N, C-alpha and C. Protein backbone atom coordinates (compact mmCIF):
# COMPACT_ATOMS: atom_id res chain seq x y z
N MET A 1 112.32 152.40 49.21
CA MET A 1 113.21 151.79 49.63
C MET A 1 113.88 150.75 48.39
N CYS A 2 115.03 151.03 48.11
CA CYS A 2 115.68 149.98 47.24
C CYS A 2 116.68 149.23 47.34
N LEU A 3 116.61 147.86 46.64
CA LEU A 3 117.76 146.99 47.31
C LEU A 3 118.66 146.80 45.95
N TYR A 4 119.95 146.65 46.16
CA TYR A 4 120.74 146.54 45.16
C TYR A 4 121.34 145.18 45.49
N PHE A 5 121.59 144.38 44.29
CA PHE A 5 122.37 142.75 44.31
C PHE A 5 123.41 143.34 43.19
N GLN A 6 124.42 142.86 44.26
CA GLN A 6 125.94 142.74 43.52
C GLN A 6 125.80 141.69 42.23
N GLN A 7 125.83 141.87 41.17
CA GLN A 7 125.96 140.88 40.15
C GLN A 7 127.24 140.10 40.34
N PRO A 8 127.12 139.06 40.04
CA PRO A 8 128.21 138.19 39.95
C PRO A 8 129.05 138.30 38.77
N ALA A 9 130.30 138.36 38.72
CA ALA A 9 131.51 138.50 37.71
C ALA A 9 130.81 137.38 36.26
N SER A 10 130.10 136.48 37.01
CA SER A 10 129.89 135.47 35.77
C SER A 10 128.90 134.20 36.37
N PRO A 11 128.20 133.82 35.69
CA PRO A 11 126.84 132.78 35.95
C PRO A 11 127.93 131.74 36.83
N THR A 12 128.94 131.38 36.45
CA THR A 12 129.56 129.96 37.40
C THR A 12 129.81 130.98 38.91
N ASP A 13 130.07 132.05 39.23
CA ASP A 13 130.47 132.52 40.33
C ASP A 13 128.96 132.46 41.17
N ASN A 14 127.87 132.67 40.23
CA ASN A 14 126.82 132.44 41.18
C ASN A 14 126.43 131.09 41.74
N ARG A 15 126.62 130.25 40.93
CA ARG A 15 126.44 129.04 40.98
C ARG A 15 127.30 128.43 42.23
N THR A 16 128.45 128.95 42.33
CA THR A 16 129.69 128.59 43.31
C THR A 16 129.08 129.24 44.80
N ASP A 17 128.54 130.28 44.70
CA ASP A 17 128.15 130.85 45.88
C ASP A 17 126.81 130.42 46.27
N THR A 18 126.10 129.90 45.86
CA THR A 18 124.65 129.39 45.97
C THR A 18 125.04 128.13 46.62
N THR A 19 125.99 127.17 45.77
CA THR A 19 126.69 125.47 46.38
C THR A 19 127.15 126.10 47.70
N ALA A 20 128.01 126.69 48.10
CA ALA A 20 128.52 126.96 49.16
C ALA A 20 127.60 127.43 50.51
N LEU A 21 126.29 128.20 49.65
CA LEU A 21 125.71 128.70 50.74
C LEU A 21 124.75 127.22 51.11
N ALA A 22 124.14 126.74 49.99
CA ALA A 22 123.65 125.56 50.49
C ALA A 22 124.34 124.20 51.04
N GLU A 23 125.79 124.26 51.31
CA GLU A 23 126.54 123.08 51.97
C GLU A 23 126.55 123.76 53.56
N GLU A 24 126.75 125.13 53.26
CA GLU A 24 126.79 125.82 54.87
C GLU A 24 125.35 125.69 55.49
N MET A 25 124.46 125.99 54.67
CA MET A 25 122.97 125.87 55.65
C MET A 25 122.62 124.00 55.91
N HIS A 26 123.29 123.41 55.17
CA HIS A 26 122.97 121.76 55.51
C HIS A 26 123.72 121.39 56.32
N ALA A 27 124.81 121.73 56.59
CA ALA A 27 125.76 121.41 57.54
C ALA A 27 125.35 121.97 59.07
N ASN A 28 124.73 123.40 58.86
CA ASN A 28 124.70 124.01 59.91
C ASN A 28 122.83 123.35 60.43
N LEU A 29 121.84 122.99 59.54
CA LEU A 29 120.68 122.16 59.71
C LEU A 29 121.32 120.82 60.27
N ARG A 30 122.32 119.83 59.88
CA ARG A 30 122.87 118.51 60.51
C ARG A 30 123.00 118.60 61.46
N THR A 31 123.73 119.88 62.17
CA THR A 31 124.30 120.24 63.50
C THR A 31 123.05 120.44 64.17
N GLN A 32 121.94 121.18 64.20
CA GLN A 32 120.95 121.04 64.86
C GLN A 32 119.97 120.18 64.81
N ALA A 33 120.14 119.13 63.56
CA ALA A 33 119.33 117.84 64.21
C ALA A 33 119.90 117.13 64.96
N VAL A 34 121.32 116.88 65.15
CA VAL A 34 122.02 116.35 66.19
C VAL A 34 121.89 116.44 67.12
N VAL A 35 121.91 118.05 67.52
CA VAL A 35 121.49 118.33 68.67
C VAL A 35 120.32 117.83 69.04
N ILE A 36 119.20 118.36 68.17
CA ILE A 36 118.02 117.78 68.87
C ILE A 36 117.80 116.44 69.35
N ALA A 37 118.20 115.53 68.48
CA ALA A 37 118.22 114.13 68.54
C ALA A 37 118.84 113.69 69.87
N GLU A 38 119.92 114.62 70.51
CA GLU A 38 120.67 114.18 71.71
C GLU A 38 119.68 114.58 72.63
N ASP A 39 119.17 115.85 72.38
CA ASP A 39 117.95 116.19 73.43
C ASP A 39 116.76 115.61 73.74
N ILE A 40 116.49 115.03 72.64
CA ILE A 40 115.20 113.70 72.56
C ILE A 40 115.63 112.70 73.52
N ASP A 41 116.97 112.04 72.85
CA ASP A 41 117.36 110.88 73.77
C ASP A 41 117.23 111.38 75.09
N VAL A 42 118.10 112.16 75.68
CA VAL A 42 118.14 112.59 76.93
C VAL A 42 116.78 112.68 77.54
N HIS A 43 115.86 113.66 77.02
CA HIS A 43 114.37 113.41 77.87
C HIS A 43 113.83 111.86 77.57
N ALA A 44 114.51 111.31 76.60
CA ALA A 44 113.11 110.07 76.70
C ALA A 44 114.05 108.90 77.61
N GLU A 45 115.46 109.11 78.02
CA GLU A 45 116.15 108.23 79.01
C GLU A 45 115.61 108.80 80.30
N ALA A 46 115.14 109.95 80.35
CA ALA A 46 114.59 110.66 82.02
C ALA A 46 113.50 110.18 81.95
N ARG A 47 112.91 110.27 81.03
CA ARG A 47 111.12 109.80 80.95
C ARG A 47 111.14 108.02 81.27
N HIS A 48 111.56 107.59 80.66
CA HIS A 48 112.20 106.29 80.82
C HIS A 48 112.35 105.95 82.57
N ALA A 49 113.55 106.52 83.09
CA ALA A 49 113.44 106.01 84.06
C ALA A 49 112.74 106.66 85.04
N ASN A 50 111.89 107.82 84.80
CA ASN A 50 110.91 108.16 85.53
C ASN A 50 109.57 107.14 85.69
N LEU A 51 109.22 106.58 84.35
CA LEU A 51 108.08 105.86 84.38
C LEU A 51 108.89 104.50 84.92
N ARG A 52 109.99 104.01 85.25
CA ARG A 52 110.40 103.08 85.66
C ARG A 52 110.17 103.03 87.19
N THR A 53 110.60 104.10 87.57
CA THR A 53 110.47 104.27 89.17
C THR A 53 109.08 104.39 89.33
N GLN A 54 107.70 105.21 88.56
CA GLN A 54 106.54 105.03 88.78
C GLN A 54 106.04 103.36 89.00
N ALA A 55 106.70 102.56 88.25
CA ALA A 55 105.99 101.44 87.57
C ALA A 55 106.53 100.40 88.89
N ILE A 56 107.78 100.64 89.67
CA ILE A 56 108.09 100.00 90.70
C ILE A 56 107.23 100.38 91.94
N GLY A 57 107.02 101.76 92.12
CA GLY A 57 106.44 102.01 93.22
C GLY A 57 104.73 101.56 93.01
N ILE A 58 104.18 101.45 91.79
CA ILE A 58 102.52 100.78 91.93
C ILE A 58 102.92 99.40 92.43
N ALA A 59 104.04 98.76 91.33
CA ALA A 59 103.99 97.38 91.98
C ALA A 59 104.26 96.94 93.27
N GLU A 60 105.18 97.80 94.12
CA GLU A 60 105.26 97.53 95.60
C GLU A 60 103.65 98.03 96.26
N ASN A 61 103.19 98.90 95.54
CA ASN A 61 101.52 99.19 96.49
C ASN A 61 100.77 97.99 96.26
N MET A 62 100.85 97.61 94.73
CA MET A 62 99.80 96.52 94.81
C MET A 62 100.36 95.05 95.36
N ASP A 63 101.73 94.68 95.81
CA ASP A 63 102.08 93.81 96.52
C ASP A 63 101.48 93.78 97.82
N VAL A 64 101.86 95.10 98.57
CA VAL A 64 101.36 95.58 99.79
C VAL A 64 99.90 95.55 99.76
N ARG A 65 99.02 96.02 99.11
CA ARG A 65 97.59 95.87 99.39
C ARG A 65 97.25 94.39 99.22
N ALA A 66 97.70 93.29 98.03
CA ALA A 66 97.39 91.95 97.61
C ALA A 66 97.68 91.47 99.30
N GLU A 67 98.64 91.56 99.89
CA GLU A 67 98.96 90.95 101.07
C GLU A 67 97.91 91.49 102.19
N GLU A 68 97.45 92.76 102.12
CA GLU A 68 96.48 93.21 102.85
C GLU A 68 95.21 92.43 102.85
N ILE A 69 94.87 92.39 101.37
CA ILE A 69 93.63 91.67 101.20
C ILE A 69 93.57 90.19 101.32
N HIS A 70 94.65 89.71 101.44
CA HIS A 70 94.75 88.22 101.74
C HIS A 70 94.70 87.98 103.31
N ALA A 71 95.29 89.03 104.21
CA ALA A 71 95.13 88.80 105.54
C ALA A 71 93.92 88.85 105.77
N ASN A 72 93.20 89.90 105.33
CA ASN A 72 91.78 90.28 105.62
C ASN A 72 90.74 89.06 105.12
N LEU A 73 90.99 88.31 103.85
CA LEU A 73 89.99 87.38 103.41
C LEU A 73 90.45 86.11 104.54
N ARG A 74 91.72 86.22 104.88
CA ARG A 74 91.77 84.90 106.07
C ARG A 74 91.24 85.36 107.34
N THR A 75 91.44 86.10 107.71
CA THR A 75 90.33 86.47 108.97
C THR A 75 88.80 86.35 108.57
N GLN A 76 88.37 86.71 107.56
CA GLN A 76 87.09 86.27 107.31
C GLN A 76 86.96 84.90 107.07
N ALA A 77 87.56 84.03 106.71
CA ALA A 77 87.25 82.85 106.38
C ALA A 77 87.36 81.85 107.99
N VAL A 78 88.50 82.41 108.88
CA VAL A 78 88.27 81.77 110.15
C VAL A 78 87.43 82.29 110.72
N VAL A 79 86.69 83.40 110.59
CA VAL A 79 85.34 84.06 111.19
C VAL A 79 84.37 83.16 110.88
N ILE A 80 84.20 83.08 109.93
CA ILE A 80 83.21 81.94 108.86
C ILE A 80 83.31 80.76 109.38
N GLY A 81 84.45 80.38 109.67
CA GLY A 81 84.59 78.62 109.94
C GLY A 81 84.08 78.51 111.31
N GLU A 82 84.20 79.69 112.26
CA GLU A 82 83.78 79.35 113.60
C GLU A 82 82.42 79.52 113.76
N ASP A 83 81.83 80.42 112.81
CA ASP A 83 80.71 80.63 112.88
C ASP A 83 79.60 79.51 112.18
N ILE A 84 80.29 78.91 111.26
CA ILE A 84 80.01 77.65 110.90
C ILE A 84 80.00 76.32 111.70
N ASN A 85 81.20 76.31 112.55
CA ASN A 85 81.17 75.34 113.48
C ASN A 85 80.06 75.65 114.67
N VAL A 86 79.96 76.94 115.11
CA VAL A 86 79.24 77.11 116.12
C VAL A 86 77.69 76.75 115.77
N HIS A 87 77.24 77.16 114.50
CA HIS A 87 76.03 76.47 114.11
C HIS A 87 75.82 74.87 113.70
N ALA A 88 76.78 74.46 113.16
CA ALA A 88 76.95 73.05 113.23
C ALA A 88 76.52 72.53 114.63
N GLU A 89 77.34 72.82 115.74
CA GLU A 89 77.04 72.26 117.08
C GLU A 89 75.63 72.77 117.72
N GLU A 90 75.28 73.84 117.33
CA GLU A 90 73.78 73.71 117.24
C GLU A 90 72.75 73.29 116.91
N MET A 91 72.85 72.99 115.46
CA MET A 91 72.13 71.91 115.11
C MET A 91 72.52 70.53 115.44
N HIS A 92 73.55 69.96 115.67
CA HIS A 92 73.77 68.78 115.97
C HIS A 92 72.88 68.52 117.36
N ALA A 93 73.30 69.51 118.30
CA ALA A 93 72.46 69.52 119.66
C ALA A 93 70.67 69.51 119.77
N ASN A 94 70.37 70.39 118.69
CA ASN A 94 68.90 70.14 118.37
C ASN A 94 68.58 68.97 117.97
N LEU A 95 69.33 68.36 116.78
CA LEU A 95 68.91 67.31 116.25
C LEU A 95 68.63 66.18 117.26
N ARG A 96 69.90 66.39 118.10
CA ARG A 96 70.10 65.17 119.21
C ARG A 96 68.73 65.58 120.11
N THR A 97 68.11 66.60 120.70
CA THR A 97 67.46 66.75 121.35
C THR A 97 65.70 66.17 120.35
N HIS A 98 66.09 66.30 119.27
CA HIS A 98 64.76 65.95 118.45
C HIS A 98 64.92 64.06 118.55
N ALA A 99 65.77 63.88 118.40
CA ALA A 99 66.03 62.48 118.26
C ALA A 99 65.54 61.87 119.57
N THR A 100 66.22 62.40 120.44
CA THR A 100 65.58 62.09 122.04
C THR A 100 64.16 62.10 122.03
N VAL A 101 63.45 63.18 121.75
CA VAL A 101 62.04 63.07 121.93
C VAL A 101 61.53 62.17 121.11
N ILE A 102 61.73 62.22 119.92
CA ILE A 102 61.05 61.13 119.14
C ILE A 102 61.37 59.74 119.63
N ALA A 103 62.59 59.22 119.93
CA ALA A 103 62.73 58.01 120.48
C ALA A 103 61.92 57.79 121.82
N GLU A 104 61.50 58.54 122.89
CA GLU A 104 60.96 58.75 124.16
C GLU A 104 59.54 58.20 123.59
N GLU A 105 58.72 59.24 122.48
CA GLU A 105 57.54 58.96 121.86
C GLU A 105 57.04 57.43 121.51
N ILE A 106 58.60 57.06 120.52
CA ILE A 106 58.21 55.72 120.31
C ILE A 106 58.26 54.79 121.29
N ASP A 107 59.15 55.01 122.37
CA ASP A 107 58.84 53.96 123.51
C ASP A 107 57.58 53.89 124.33
N ALA A 108 56.83 55.14 124.11
CA ALA A 108 55.96 55.46 124.82
C ALA A 108 54.46 54.70 123.94
N HIS A 109 54.81 54.90 122.95
CA HIS A 109 54.15 54.07 121.65
C HIS A 109 54.02 52.72 121.81
N ALA A 110 55.15 52.10 122.00
CA ALA A 110 55.54 51.13 121.76
C ALA A 110 55.13 50.08 123.03
N GLY A 111 55.11 50.87 124.44
CA GLY A 111 54.74 50.35 125.71
C GLY A 111 53.16 50.04 125.25
N LYS A 112 52.42 50.64 124.65
CA LYS A 112 50.86 50.65 124.54
C LYS A 112 50.54 49.36 123.72
N PHE A 113 51.34 48.81 123.01
CA PHE A 113 50.94 47.57 121.93
C PHE A 113 51.12 46.78 122.46
C-alpha cells in the first residue's frame, strides 16, 4: 500500500492548512468541553437533589426515632418511679414495724427496772 501526499505549492500554504486544521480542532474540542461541562453540571444538580432528598428522609427518620426513644424512656422512668415508690412504702412499713417492736421491747425492759 502506498500513500501519496499532495505537496503544497509553497511552505506558506502548508502552514496555513495546518493552522486552519488546528483552529478547527481547537474549536471542536472547545465545543466538546462545553457539552461535557454542561452534562457534568446537570448530573451534579441531579445528584445534589437526590442527596438532599435522602438527607431530609434520614432527618425525618431520626426525628421519629428520637420521639419513639423519648416516649420509651419516659415510660421506663414512670415504671421505675412507681417501683421506687412501692419499695419505699414497703421499707417505710417495715421500719415502722421494727420501730414498734423496738419501742415495745424498751417498754418491757423499762418496766423491769
